[in-house]
Structure formats: structure tokens, C-alpha cells
Amino acid sequence: MIISASRRTDIPSFYFDWFLNRIRDGYVFARNPMNPRQVGRVPLKPNVVDGIVLWTKNPSPMLNRIDEISPFPFYVQYTLNSYQTDVEPNLPSKDDVLIPVLQKLSDIIGAGRVVWRYDPILLSEKYTIDHHIDFFETTARRLRGYTEKCTISFVDYYRKTANRVRDLGLIDATAEDKDILAKSFSEIARGYGLAVDTCAENIDLDKYGISHARCIDDRIFEKVYGIKLDVGKDRSQRRECGCVSSIDIGLYNTCGHGCKYCYANYSPEIVLRNAQAHDACSPLLCGGICENDVVTDRKMHSQIYRG
């Protein structure tokens, strides 16, 4: 099985000590987001975990301890956008911190295990098409040799984020806008040896050499580690999503970055309460097992194809 850590929060930024403790103990508790009283006990042992996908916007806290997850195949989805603190209020400087951190991460684990995410793309009077193209070109130049591909997507509007983005003056991207950006990104990326794909987009950009992504991607594990996985599409994701099946061990409303477009946080008060309930030694990301919780063992097995 593949572990996703996590679409729901930034474990490398905020909870990496907890994650290493879970690996040390060989299991993690994960609440069902649709029914929080249902708790799965998920094994975290090399004989059943075929790979780990880490999602982050700032992996600085994990750099000095990254060898502690080396028993597992893993790669990193690294989101690096052009936005300032009006959109991503709690992130450090892209130029001075986050780009150098990506470079350092790549030096440690290799370019094939760092996926650059330019996601989501949103438009406004401040964040124009030209702004995105300029930032993408500048960043692609600095990341040349440090990653092999960039995954892009256009912003999706969620009811729970409507109030947070209202003051940004967002403009709906037209089909023409998306076409201009895709064509420009493709040409820039090609010049720096990068591939481009799209995350859960229903538009066809094959003419620009842009394919549909698998963010949870068995092909990366095969390419980097020589592991062939017998794993199918994740049926719990949107139809346009190309990800293969995985188990996510994160928890919504726990990310401290506070990005205004983020679907994974919908209440700053709950985020604060969850952060205060975090215990790095607990099997759960936040809090503990309650009287009415039902804990069940997730029956997992390796999906490595043995031929």
C-alpha cells in the first residue's frame, strides 16, 4: 500500500516529529473524515508500506532527519507558488527560503523524488497571467536540475473558502487564459528540462505536451526504486484525478500555513484547537481516542508486483 502524508495537512512542516514516532512504533491512527468516530489503525511497517508520498510547502523541519524514513520508498510533492502573504500568510520568503530549501532537499534525495507543484493558479488584478509567467520562468530557471517535472492546476472554488478569498478580487480564468498559461509554462519548462502535467483538470492540453498527473504515482516508485506496483486508480478521488490508491493519514483543519485558497482548512478556530491538542507521542495526529470511537485494524498488504 501507499501512504499519503498528506493531502489534508502539511505533515513535514508541522508534524514531522509525530510522523517519525509513528514510523518508530509501526502504526498510526487515522480518523475517517466522513465519520470521525471511525478510527483506522494503519500499519506503518516496511513489509506492507510500499511507498510514502509527502505533501508540503515547507519541508525545512524534515531536512536533518530525512534519513529516518529511508527504510521506505518515498518522494515529495512540494508546492511552490508565486503568491505573497495576502494569499499565503504564514509562509517564509520564496526567494530566500523556500526555493533554497527545495534545492537542498533535492541534493539530499535526488531530483526524481521532488515534484514541484505550481498549484493552484488563481488570477486577479495583482496575480495576472504575466505575473504567473514571469514567476514560473524565474523559478524554473532556479530549479533546473533539482526537479524533473512541475504539476499545475487552476483554482477550484469551494464554499468553505469563499469568505477567505473574497478580498482577493479573484477573476475566473477563461479557457483562453488557461490556454495561454499552459502554452507558456510548457515552453518555459521544456527550456529547463522539465515536464509539465495537470492535477485533476478536465481540459486537454496534449497539444502542449502537458499530460494528466498522478500525484500519488506508482510510476515514480518504479522509476526511482525499481518497484512495480499492482495498484489501481483511487476511486475516492474525483473522476479527473489520476492518482492511484493510497491511505491518507492526515487530518483536516490542522495546517498552520493559513493559505486562503486551501480546501483542507475551513475554520481558524478549529485549526488552533487542533494544534493545541497535538501530541507528538499520540497515535492520532490531534487528541486521543474517545469513549465513542470505534477503532478497527486496516487490513493491508504489500502491492508490489512479484510477477
C-alpha atoms as a PDB file:
ATOM      1  CA  MET A   1       0.000   0.000   0.000  1.00  0.00           C
ATOM      2  CA  ILE A   2       0.982   3.629  -0.456  1.00  0.00           C
ATOM      3  CA  ILE A   3       0.736   6.137   2.396  1.00  0.00           C
ATOM      4  CA  SER A   4      -0.274   9.734   1.609  1.00  0.00           C
ATOM      5  CA  ALA A   5       1.103  12.179   4.186  1.00  0.00           C
ATOM      6  CA  SER A   6      -0.924  14.184   3.491  1.00  0.00           C
ATOM      7  CA  ARG A   7      -3.447  15.896   1.227  1.00  0.00           C
ATOM      8  CA  ARG A   8      -5.202  17.124   4.382  1.00  0.00           C
ATOM      9  CA  THR A   9      -2.327  18.904   6.122  1.00  0.00           C
ATOM     10  CA  ASP A  10       1.398  19.636   5.926  1.00  0.00           C
ATOM     11  CA  ILE A  11       2.997  16.871   7.962  1.00  0.00           C
ATOM     12  CA  PRO A  12       6.630  17.717   7.015  1.00  0.00           C
ATOM     13  CA  SER A  13       6.155  21.348   8.115  1.00  0.00           C
ATOM     14  CA  PHE A  14       4.232  20.889  11.356  1.00  0.00           C
ATOM     15  CA  TYR A  15       4.110  17.244  12.424  1.00  0.00           C
ATOM     16  CA  PHE A  16       7.295  15.538  11.283  1.00  0.00           C
ATOM     17  CA  ASP A  17       8.369  14.503  14.795  1.00  0.00           C
ATOM     18  CA  TRP A  18       4.955  12.876  15.226  1.00  0.00           C
ATOM     19  CA  PHE A  19       5.320  11.118  11.890  1.00  0.00           C
ATOM     20  CA  LEU A  20       8.732   9.715  12.811  1.00  0.00           C
ATOM     21  CA  ASN A  21       7.301   8.499  16.121  1.00  0.00           C
ATOM     22  CA  ARG A  22       4.539   6.738  14.201  1.00  0.00           C
ATOM     23  CA  ILE A  23       7.120   5.048  11.991  1.00  0.00           C
ATOM     24  CA  ARG A  24       9.115   4.036  15.055  1.00  0.00           C
ATOM     25  CA  ASP A  25       6.003   2.496  16.662  1.00  0.00           C
ATOM     26  CA  GLY A  26       4.923   0.864  13.408  1.00  0.00           C
ATOM     27  CA  TYR A  27       1.346   2.140  13.207  1.00  0.00           C
ATOM     28  CA  VAL A  28      -0.825   5.263  13.101  1.00  0.00           C
ATOM     29  CA  PHE A  29      -4.443   6.034  13.951  1.00  0.00           C
ATOM     30  CA  ALA A  30      -6.339   7.944  11.263  1.00  0.00           C
ATOM     31  CA  ARG A  31      -9.896   9.252  11.607  1.00  0.00           C
ATOM     32  CA  ASN A  32     -12.370   8.800   8.795  1.00  0.00           C
ATOM     33  CA  PRO A  33     -13.102  12.384   7.616  1.00  0.00           C
ATOM     34  CA  MET A  34     -16.666  11.388   6.708  1.00  0.00           C
ATOM     35  CA  ASN A  35     -17.283   9.729  10.077  1.00  0.00           C
ATOM     36  CA  PRO A  36     -14.733  10.921  12.673  1.00  0.00           C
ATOM     37  CA  ARG A  37     -15.834   8.328  15.206  1.00  0.00           C
ATOM     38  CA  GLN A  38     -14.413   5.665  12.920  1.00  0.00           C
ATOM     39  CA  VAL A  39     -10.681   5.340  13.521  1.00  0.00           C
ATOM     40  CA  GLY A  40      -8.445   3.117  11.449  1.00  0.00           C
ATOM     41  CA  ARG A  41      -5.294   1.573  12.855  1.00  0.00           C
ATOM     42  CA  VAL A  42      -2.955   1.738   9.870  1.00  0.00           C
ATOM     43  CA  PRO A  43       0.281  -0.275   9.922  1.00  0.00           C
ATOM     44  CA  LEU A  44       3.469   1.616   9.079  1.00  0.00           C
ATOM     45  CA  LYS A  45       5.920  -1.196   8.502  1.00  0.00           C
ATOM     46  CA  PRO A  46       8.176  -1.854   5.505  1.00  0.00           C
ATOM     47  CA  ASN A  47       6.573  -5.221   4.793  1.00  0.00           C
ATOM     48  CA  VAL A  48       3.209  -3.567   3.980  1.00  0.00           C
ATOM     49  CA  VAL A  49       4.055   0.066   3.146  1.00  0.00           C
ATOM     50  CA  ASP A  50       5.313   0.089  -0.441  1.00  0.00           C
ATOM     51  CA  GLY A  51       5.867   3.838  -0.561  1.00  0.00           C
ATOM     52  CA  ILE A  52       5.138   7.183   1.079  1.00  0.00           C
ATOM     53  CA  VAL A  53       4.127  10.414  -0.642  1.00  0.00           C
ATOM     54  CA  LEU A  54       4.872  13.524   1.421  1.00  0.00           C
ATOM     55  CA  TRP A  55       2.989  16.754   0.617  1.00  0.00           C
ATOM     56  CA  THR A  56       4.451  20.045   1.813  1.00  0.00           C
ATOM     57  CA  LYS A  57       5.010  23.757   1.271  1.00  0.00           C
ATOM     58  CA  ASN A  58       7.974  23.971   3.604  1.00  0.00           C
ATOM     59  CA  PRO A  59       9.908  20.792   4.396  1.00  0.00           C
ATOM     60  CA  SER A  60      12.618  22.610   6.371  1.00  0.00           C
ATOM     61  CA  PRO A  61      11.884  20.706   9.620  1.00  0.00           C
ATOM     62  CA  MET A  62      12.468  17.329   7.982  1.00  0.00           C
ATOM     63  CA  LEU A  63      15.759  18.003   6.220  1.00  0.00           C
ATOM     64  CA  ASN A  64      18.052  16.988   9.082  1.00  0.00           C
ATOM     65  CA  ARG A  65      16.062  13.836   9.878  1.00  0.00           C
ATOM     66  CA  ILE A  66      15.157  12.642   6.426  1.00  0.00           C
ATOM     67  CA  ASP A  67      17.329   9.538   6.769  1.00  0.00           C
ATOM     68  CA  GLU A  68      14.897   8.252   9.396  1.00  0.00           C
ATOM     69  CA  ILE A  69      12.306   7.463   6.730  1.00  0.00           C
ATOM     70  CA  SER A  70      14.854   5.847   4.424  1.00  0.00           C
ATOM     71  CA  PRO A  71      13.577   2.301   5.135  1.00  0.00           C
ATOM     72  CA  PHE A  72      10.573   3.305   2.998  1.00  0.00           C
ATOM     73  CA  PRO A  73      10.495   4.381  -0.634  1.00  0.00           C
ATOM     74  CA  PHE A  74       9.225   7.956  -0.716  1.00  0.00           C
ATOM     75  CA  TYR A  75       9.013  11.117  -2.737  1.00  0.00           C
ATOM     76  CA  VAL A  76       7.871  14.679  -2.054  1.00  0.00           C
ATOM     77  CA  GLN A  77       5.132  16.813  -3.572  1.00  0.00           C
ATOM     78  CA  TYR A  78       6.457  20.347  -2.989  1.00  0.00           C
ATOM     79  CA  THR A  79       4.049  23.243  -3.574  1.00  0.00           C
ATOM     80  CA  LEU A  80       5.836  26.451  -4.544  1.00  0.00           C
ATOM     81  CA  ASN A  81       3.610  29.268  -5.770  1.00  0.00           C
ATOM     82  CA  SER A  82       4.069  32.920  -6.696  1.00  0.00           C
ATOM     83  CA  TYR A  83       1.776  34.341  -4.006  1.00  0.00           C
ATOM     84  CA  GLN A  84       2.675  36.761  -1.264  1.00  0.00           C
ATOM     85  CA  THR A  85       1.373  36.918   2.297  1.00  0.00           C
ATOM     86  CA  ASP A  86      -2.027  38.241   1.214  1.00  0.00           C
ATOM     87  CA  VAL A  87      -2.707  34.731  -0.109  1.00  0.00           C
ATOM     88  CA  GLU A  88      -0.222  32.537   1.770  1.00  0.00           C
ATOM     89  CA  PRO A  89       0.156  34.455   5.042  1.00  0.00           C
ATOM     90  CA  ASN A  90       2.376  32.131   7.064  1.00  0.00           C
ATOM     91  CA  LEU A  91       4.978  31.025   4.550  1.00  0.00           C
ATOM     92  CA  PRO A  92       8.532  32.421   4.510  1.00  0.00           C
ATOM     93  CA  SER A  93      10.157  34.079   1.506  1.00  0.00           C
ATOM     94  CA  LYS A  94      10.091  32.050  -1.698  1.00  0.00           C
ATOM     95  CA  ASP A  95      13.344  33.574  -2.966  1.00  0.00           C
ATOM     96  CA  ASP A  96      15.304  33.445   0.263  1.00  0.00           C
ATOM     97  CA  VAL A  97      13.937  30.308   1.948  1.00  0.00           C
ATOM     98  CA  LEU A  98      11.615  28.025   0.021  1.00  0.00           C
ATOM     99  CA  ILE A  99      13.477  27.768  -3.273  1.00  0.00           C
ATOM    100  CA  PRO A 100      16.800  27.100  -1.484  1.00  0.00           C
ATOM    101  CA  VAL A 101      15.042  24.506   0.687  1.00  0.00           C
ATOM    102  CA  LEU A 102      13.798  22.697  -2.420  1.00  0.00           C
ATOM    103  CA  GLN A 103      17.314  22.746  -3.819  1.00  0.00           C
ATOM    104  CA  LYS A 104      18.712  21.328  -0.592  1.00  0.00           C
ATOM    105  CA  LEU A 105      16.007  18.663  -0.430  1.00  0.00           C
ATOM    106  CA  SER A 106      16.818  17.644  -3.993  1.00  0.00           C
ATOM    107  CA  ASP A 107      20.531  17.463  -3.175  1.00  0.00           C
ATOM    108  CA  ILE A 108      19.680  15.013  -0.395  1.00  0.00           C
ATOM    109  CA  ILE A 109      17.145  12.728  -2.099  1.00  0.00           C
ATOM    110  CA  GLY A 110      17.551  13.406  -5.825  1.00  0.00           C
ATOM    111  CA  ALA A 111      15.617  15.391  -8.431  1.00  0.00           C
ATOM    112  CA  GLY A 112      13.442  12.414  -9.383  1.00  0.00           C
ATOM    113  CA  ARG A 113      11.913  12.371  -5.898  1.00  0.00           C
ATOM    114  CA  VAL A 114      10.932  16.061  -5.747  1.00  0.00           C
ATOM    115  CA  VAL A 115       7.819  17.100  -7.687  1.00  0.00           C
ATOM    116  CA  TRP A 116       7.320  20.852  -7.987  1.00  0.00           C
ATOM    117  CA  ARG A 117       3.646  21.839  -7.684  1.00  0.00           C
ATOM    118  CA  TYR A 118       2.551  25.215  -9.061  1.00  0.00           C
ATOM    119  CA  ASP A 119      -0.921  24.847  -7.712  1.00  0.00           C
ATOM    120  CA  PRO A 120      -3.471  26.317  -7.650  1.00  0.00           C
ATOM    121  CA  ILE A 121      -3.254  29.062 -10.259  1.00  0.00           C
ATOM    122  CA  LEU A 122      -5.571  31.950  -9.412  1.00  0.00           C
ATOM    123  CA  LEU A 123      -5.988  35.212 -11.297  1.00  0.00           C
ATOM    124  CA  SER A 124      -6.605  38.746 -10.037  1.00  0.00           C
ATOM    125  CA  GLU A 125      -5.516  42.272 -10.837  1.00  0.00           C
ATOM    126  CA  LYS A 126      -2.382  41.559  -8.792  1.00  0.00           C
ATOM    127  CA  TYR A 127      -1.771  37.967  -9.858  1.00  0.00           C
ATOM    128  CA  THR A 128      -2.069  38.367 -13.602  1.00  0.00           C
ATOM    129  CA  ILE A 129      -1.189  35.996 -16.401  1.00  0.00           C
ATOM    130  CA  ASP A 130       2.069  37.889 -16.915  1.00  0.00           C
ATOM    131  CA  HIS A 131       2.844  37.660 -13.194  1.00  0.00           C
ATOM    132  CA  HIS A 132       2.463  33.868 -13.255  1.00  0.00           C
ATOM    133  CA  ILE A 133       4.540  33.503 -16.413  1.00  0.00           C
ATOM    134  CA  ASP A 134       7.339  35.670 -15.018  1.00  0.00           C
ATOM    135  CA  PHE A 135       7.463  33.816 -11.699  1.00  0.00           C
ATOM    136  CA  PHE A 136       7.275  30.433 -13.400  1.00  0.00           C
ATOM    137  CA  GLU A 137      10.192  31.283 -15.685  1.00  0.00           C
ATOM    138  CA  THR A 138      12.342  32.664 -12.867  1.00  0.00           C
ATOM    139  CA  THR A 139      11.620  29.684 -10.619  1.00  0.00           C
ATOM    140  CA  ALA A 140      12.042  27.062 -13.349  1.00  0.00           C
ATOM    141  CA  ARG A 141      15.463  28.528 -14.092  1.00  0.00           C
ATOM    142  CA  ARG A 142      16.493  28.221 -10.437  1.00  0.00           C
ATOM    143  CA  LEU A 143      15.080  24.703 -10.145  1.00  0.00           C
ATOM    144  CA  ARG A 144      16.786  23.370 -13.252  1.00  0.00           C
ATOM    145  CA  GLY A 145      18.400  20.078 -12.297  1.00  0.00           C
ATOM    146  CA  TYR A 146      16.642  19.989  -8.919  1.00  0.00           C
ATOM    147  CA  THR A 147      13.338  18.529 -10.130  1.00  0.00           C
ATOM    148  CA  GLU A 148      12.127  16.738 -13.219  1.00  0.00           C
ATOM    149  CA  LYS A 149       8.560  17.960 -13.515  1.00  0.00           C
ATOM    150  CA  CYS A 150       6.000  20.523 -12.438  1.00  0.00           C
ATOM    151  CA  THR A 151       2.350  19.760 -11.744  1.00  0.00           C
ATOM    152  CA  ILE A 152      -0.064  22.633 -12.295  1.00  0.00           C
ATOM    153  CA  SER A 153      -3.736  23.185 -11.616  1.00  0.00           C
ATOM    154  CA  PHE A 154      -6.228  26.038 -11.739  1.00  0.00           C
ATOM    155  CA  VAL A 155      -8.058  27.124  -8.627  1.00  0.00           C
ATOM    156  CA  ASP A 156     -11.276  25.368  -7.662  1.00  0.00           C
ATOM    157  CA  TYR A 157     -13.787  27.409  -5.704  1.00  0.00           C
ATOM    158  CA  TYR A 158     -15.147  25.780  -2.567  1.00  0.00           C
ATOM    159  CA  ARG A 159     -17.976  27.101  -0.419  1.00  0.00           C
ATOM    160  CA  LYS A 160     -15.819  26.785   2.688  1.00  0.00           C
ATOM    161  CA  THR A 161     -13.119  29.065   1.211  1.00  0.00           C
ATOM    162  CA  ALA A 162     -15.469  31.707  -0.239  1.00  0.00           C
ATOM    163  CA  ASN A 163     -15.136  34.167   2.648  1.00  0.00           C
ATOM    164  CA  ARG A 164     -11.362  33.838   2.781  1.00  0.00           C
ATOM    165  CA  VAL A 165     -10.778  34.643  -0.896  1.00  0.00           C
ATOM    166  CA  ARG A 166     -13.417  37.375  -1.198  1.00  0.00           C
ATOM    167  CA  ASP A 167     -10.965  40.215  -0.550  1.00  0.00           C
ATOM    168  CA  LEU A 168      -8.510  38.938  -3.181  1.00  0.00           C
ATOM    169  CA  GLY A 169     -10.615  40.112  -6.119  1.00  0.00           C
ATOM    170  CA  LEU A 170     -10.258  36.849  -7.979  1.00  0.00           C
ATOM    171  CA  ILE A 171     -11.077  36.653 -11.670  1.00  0.00           C
ATOM    172  CA  ASP A 172     -12.398  33.469 -13.220  1.00  0.00           C
ATOM    173  CA  ALA A 173      -9.839  32.044 -15.616  1.00  0.00           C
ATOM    174  CA  THR A 174     -11.313  31.652 -19.080  1.00  0.00           C
ATOM    175  CA  ALA A 175     -10.468  28.830 -21.464  1.00  0.00           C
ATOM    176  CA  GLU A 176      -8.254  31.290 -23.323  1.00  0.00           C
ATOM    177  CA  ASP A 177      -6.461  32.282 -20.107  1.00  0.00           C
ATOM    178  CA  LYS A 178      -5.744  28.648 -19.301  1.00  0.00           C
ATOM    179  CA  ASP A 179      -4.546  28.031 -22.824  1.00  0.00           C
ATOM    180  CA  ILE A 180      -2.119  30.976 -22.698  1.00  0.00           C
ATOM    181  CA  LEU A 181      -0.714  29.870 -19.353  1.00  0.00           C
ATOM    182  CA  ALA A 182      -0.413  26.230 -20.363  1.00  0.00           C
ATOM    183  CA  LYS A 183       1.361  27.070 -23.612  1.00  0.00           C
ATOM    184  CA  SER A 184       3.752  29.466 -21.869  1.00  0.00           C
ATOM    185  CA  PHE A 185       4.508  27.088 -18.999  1.00  0.00           C
ATOM    186  CA  SER A 186       5.141  24.242 -21.405  1.00  0.00           C
ATOM    187  CA  GLU A 187       7.586  26.253 -23.483  1.00  0.00           C
ATOM    188  CA  ILE A 188       9.414  27.554 -20.403  1.00  0.00           C
ATOM    189  CA  ALA A 189       9.592  24.142 -18.765  1.00  0.00           C
ATOM    190  CA  ARG A 190      10.903  22.483 -21.891  1.00  0.00           C
ATOM    191  CA  GLY A 191      13.724  25.013 -21.986  1.00  0.00           C
ATOM    192  CA  TYR A 192      14.807  23.956 -18.494  1.00  0.00           C
ATOM    193  CA  GLY A 193      14.383  20.213 -18.954  1.00  0.00           C
ATOM    194  CA  LEU A 194      11.100  19.947 -17.053  1.00  0.00           C
ATOM    195  CA  ALA A 195       7.924  18.060 -17.889  1.00  0.00           C
ATOM    196  CA  VAL A 196       4.530  19.606 -17.055  1.00  0.00           C
ATOM    197  CA  ASP A 197       1.323  17.821 -16.117  1.00  0.00           C
ATOM    198  CA  THR A 198      -2.033  18.872 -14.663  1.00  0.00           C
ATOM    199  CA  CYS A 199      -3.716  17.844 -11.423  1.00  0.00           C
ATOM    200  CA  ALA A 200      -7.383  16.808 -11.721  1.00  0.00           C
ATOM    201  CA  GLU A 201      -8.087  19.129 -14.658  1.00  0.00           C
ATOM    202  CA  ASN A 202     -10.676  18.147 -17.264  1.00  0.00           C
ATOM    203  CA  ILE A 203      -9.011  20.142 -20.040  1.00  0.00           C
ATOM    204  CA  ASP A 204      -6.947  18.536 -22.774  1.00  0.00           C
ATOM    205  CA  LEU A 205      -3.521  20.130 -23.109  1.00  0.00           C
ATOM    206  CA  ASP A 206      -1.835  17.350 -25.070  1.00  0.00           C
ATOM    207  CA  LYS A 207      -1.028  19.792 -27.874  1.00  0.00           C
ATOM    208  CA  TYR A 208       1.418  21.471 -25.493  1.00  0.00           C
ATOM    209  CA  GLY A 209       2.870  18.201 -24.264  1.00  0.00           C
ATOM    210  CA  ILE A 210       1.043  18.524 -20.943  1.00  0.00           C
ATOM    211  CA  SER A 211      -0.362  15.248 -19.651  1.00  0.00           C
ATOM    212  CA  HIS A 212      -2.706  14.415 -16.766  1.00  0.00           C
ATOM    213  CA  ALA A 213      -0.893  13.862 -13.480  1.00  0.00           C
ATOM    214  CA  ARG A 214      -0.907  11.096 -10.942  1.00  0.00           C
ATOM    215  CA  CYS A 215       0.092  12.904  -7.773  1.00  0.00           C
ATOM    216  CA  ILE A 216       0.090   9.544  -5.995  1.00  0.00           C
ATOM    217  CA  ASP A 217       2.131   7.950  -8.730  1.00  0.00           C
ATOM    218  CA  ASP A 218       3.197   4.319  -8.887  1.00  0.00           C
ATOM    219  CA  ARG A 219       5.369   5.190 -11.888  1.00  0.00           C
ATOM    220  CA  ILE A 220       7.706   7.328  -9.762  1.00  0.00           C
ATOM    221  CA  PHE A 221       8.310   4.432  -7.380  1.00  0.00           C
ATOM    222  CA  GLU A 222       9.007   2.171 -10.337  1.00  0.00           C
ATOM    223  CA  LYS A 223      11.382   4.660 -11.969  1.00  0.00           C
ATOM    224  CA  VAL A 224      13.317   5.608  -8.835  1.00  0.00           C
ATOM    225  CA  TYR A 225      13.227   2.360  -6.865  1.00  0.00           C
ATOM    226  CA  GLY A 226      12.552  -0.299  -9.489  1.00  0.00           C
ATOM    227  CA  ILE A 227       9.330  -1.253  -7.684  1.00  0.00           C
ATOM    228  CA  LYS A 228       6.395  -2.295  -9.855  1.00  0.00           C
ATOM    229  CA  LEU A 229       3.098  -1.925  -8.006  1.00  0.00           C
ATOM    230  CA  ASP A 230      -0.119  -3.751  -8.753  1.00  0.00           C
ATOM    231  CA  VAL A 231      -2.352  -0.845  -7.748  1.00  0.00           C
ATOM    232  CA  GLY A 232      -5.430   0.685  -9.353  1.00  0.00           C
ATOM    233  CA  LYS A 233      -6.958   4.151  -9.550  1.00  0.00           C
ATOM    234  CA  ASP A 234      -8.105   5.757  -6.317  1.00  0.00           C
ATOM    235  CA  ARG A 235     -11.898   5.550  -6.517  1.00  0.00           C
ATOM    236  CA  SER A 236     -12.378   8.002  -3.651  1.00  0.00           C
ATOM    237  CA  GLN A 237     -10.959  10.896  -5.694  1.00  0.00           C
ATOM    238  CA  ARG A 238     -12.594  12.980  -8.420  1.00  0.00           C
ATOM    239  CA  ARG A 239     -13.086  11.425 -11.846  1.00  0.00           C
ATOM    240  CA  GLU A 240     -10.409  13.702 -13.339  1.00  0.00           C
ATOM    241  CA  CYS A 241      -7.860  12.658 -10.699  1.00  0.00           C
ATOM    242  CA  GLY A 242      -5.277  10.184 -11.955  1.00  0.00           C
ATOM    243  CA  CYS A 243      -3.930   9.143  -8.545  1.00  0.00           C
ATOM    244  CA  VAL A 244      -3.559   5.500  -7.677  1.00  0.00           C
ATOM    245  CA  SER A 245      -4.979   4.125  -4.456  1.00  0.00           C
ATOM    246  CA  SER A 246      -3.454   5.230  -1.151  1.00  0.00           C
ATOM    247  CA  ILE A 247      -4.295   5.739   2.508  1.00  0.00           C
ATOM    248  CA  ASP A 248      -4.153   9.298   3.799  1.00  0.00           C
ATOM    249  CA  ILE A 249      -3.120   9.647   7.442  1.00  0.00           C
ATOM    250  CA  GLY A 250      -3.694  13.401   7.812  1.00  0.00           C
ATOM    251  CA  LEU A 251      -6.467  15.430   9.415  1.00  0.00           C
ATOM    252  CA  TYR A 252      -8.338  18.424   8.048  1.00  0.00           C
ATOM    253  CA  ASN A 253      -8.120  21.748   9.915  1.00  0.00           C
ATOM    254  CA  THR A 254      -4.580  21.184  11.153  1.00  0.00           C
ATOM    255  CA  CYS A 255      -2.363  23.091   8.692  1.00  0.00           C
ATOM    256  CA  GLY A 256      -0.746  26.240  10.049  1.00  0.00           C
ATOM    257  CA  HIS A 257       0.106  27.875   6.719  1.00  0.00           C
ATOM    258  CA  GLY A 258      -3.329  29.526   6.521  1.00  0.00           C
ATOM    259  CA  CYS A 259      -3.429  29.751   2.715  1.00  0.00           C
ATOM    260  CA  LYS A 260      -6.669  31.433   1.734  1.00  0.00           C
ATOM    261  CA  TYR A 261      -7.473  29.102  -1.168  1.00  0.00           C
ATOM    262  CA  CYS A 262      -6.957  25.909   0.840  1.00  0.00           C
ATOM    263  CA  TYR A 263      -9.856  23.451   0.981  1.00  0.00           C
ATOM    264  CA  ALA A 264      -8.273  21.498   3.865  1.00  0.00           C
ATOM    265  CA  ASN A 265      -8.854  24.244   6.447  1.00  0.00           C
ATOM    266  CA  TYR A 266     -12.293  25.768   6.908  1.00  0.00           C
ATOM    267  CA  SER A 267     -12.159  27.112  10.463  1.00  0.00           C
ATOM    268  CA  PRO A 268      -9.216  29.020  12.009  1.00  0.00           C
ATOM    269  CA  GLU A 269     -10.682  28.319  15.434  1.00  0.00           C
ATOM    270  CA  ILE A 270     -10.664  24.573  14.839  1.00  0.00           C
ATOM    271  CA  VAL A 271      -7.128  24.765  13.426  1.00  0.00           C
ATOM    272  CA  LEU A 272      -5.976  26.454  16.622  1.00  0.00           C
ATOM    273  CA  ARG A 273      -7.846  23.982  18.808  1.00  0.00           C
ATOM    274  CA  ASN A 274      -6.379  21.031  16.907  1.00  0.00           C
ATOM    275  CA  ALA A 275      -2.868  22.472  17.119  1.00  0.00           C
ATOM    276  CA  GLN A 276      -3.258  22.764  20.893  1.00  0.00           C
ATOM    277  CA  ALA A 277      -4.461  19.147  21.040  1.00  0.00           C
ATOM    278  CA  HIS A 278      -1.464  17.813  19.121  1.00  0.00           C
ATOM    279  CA  ASP A 279       0.792  15.410  20.979  1.00  0.00           C
ATOM    280  CA  ALA A 280       3.836  14.140  19.087  1.00  0.00           C
ATOM    281  CA  CYS A 281       3.661  10.894  21.046  1.00  0.00           C
ATOM    282  CA  SER A 282      -0.019  10.176  20.333  1.00  0.00           C
ATOM    283  CA  PRO A 283      -1.084   7.640  17.704  1.00  0.00           C
ATOM    284  CA  LEU A 284      -3.563  10.281  16.490  1.00  0.00           C
ATOM    285  CA  LEU A 285      -2.426  13.499  14.859  1.00  0.00           C
ATOM    286  CA  CYS A 286      -4.570  15.508  17.290  1.00  0.00           C
ATOM    287  CA  GLY A 287      -6.217  14.470  20.510  1.00  0.00           C
ATOM    288  CA  GLY A 288      -6.794  10.947  21.704  1.00  0.00           C
ATOM    289  CA  ILE A 289      -9.241   8.089  21.420  1.00  0.00           C
ATOM    290  CA  CYS A 290     -12.650   8.981  22.873  1.00  0.00           C
ATOM    291  CA  GLU A 291     -15.222   6.748  24.540  1.00  0.00           C
ATOM    292  CA  ASN A 292     -17.479   6.566  21.478  1.00  0.00           C
ATOM    293  CA  ASP A 293     -14.693   5.986  18.955  1.00  0.00           C
ATOM    294  CA  VAL A 294     -14.620   2.693  17.113  1.00  0.00           C
ATOM    295  CA  VAL A 295     -11.073   1.568  16.304  1.00  0.00           C
ATOM    296  CA  THR A 296     -10.591  -1.068  13.627  1.00  0.00           C
ATOM    297  CA  ASP A 297      -7.443  -2.540  12.124  1.00  0.00           C
ATOM    298  CA  ARG A 298      -6.922  -1.707   8.465  1.00  0.00           C
ATOM    299  CA  LYS A 299      -6.049  -4.990   6.809  1.00  0.00           C
ATOM    300  CA  MET A 300      -3.229  -4.027   4.481  1.00  0.00           C
ATOM    301  CA  HIS A 301      -0.752  -5.866   2.319  1.00  0.00           C
ATOM    302  CA  SER A 302       2.099  -5.086   0.014  1.00  0.00           C
ATOM    303  CA  GLN A 303       1.070  -4.377  -3.573  1.00  0.00           C
ATOM    304  CA  ILE A 304       4.492  -4.971  -5.105  1.00  0.00           C
ATOM    305  CA  TYR A 305       4.080  -6.987  -8.271  1.00  0.00           C
ATOM    306  CA  ARG A 306       6.112 -10.150  -7.951  1.00  0.00           C
ATOM    307  CA  GLY A 307       5.500 -11.428 -11.500  1.00  0.00           C
END
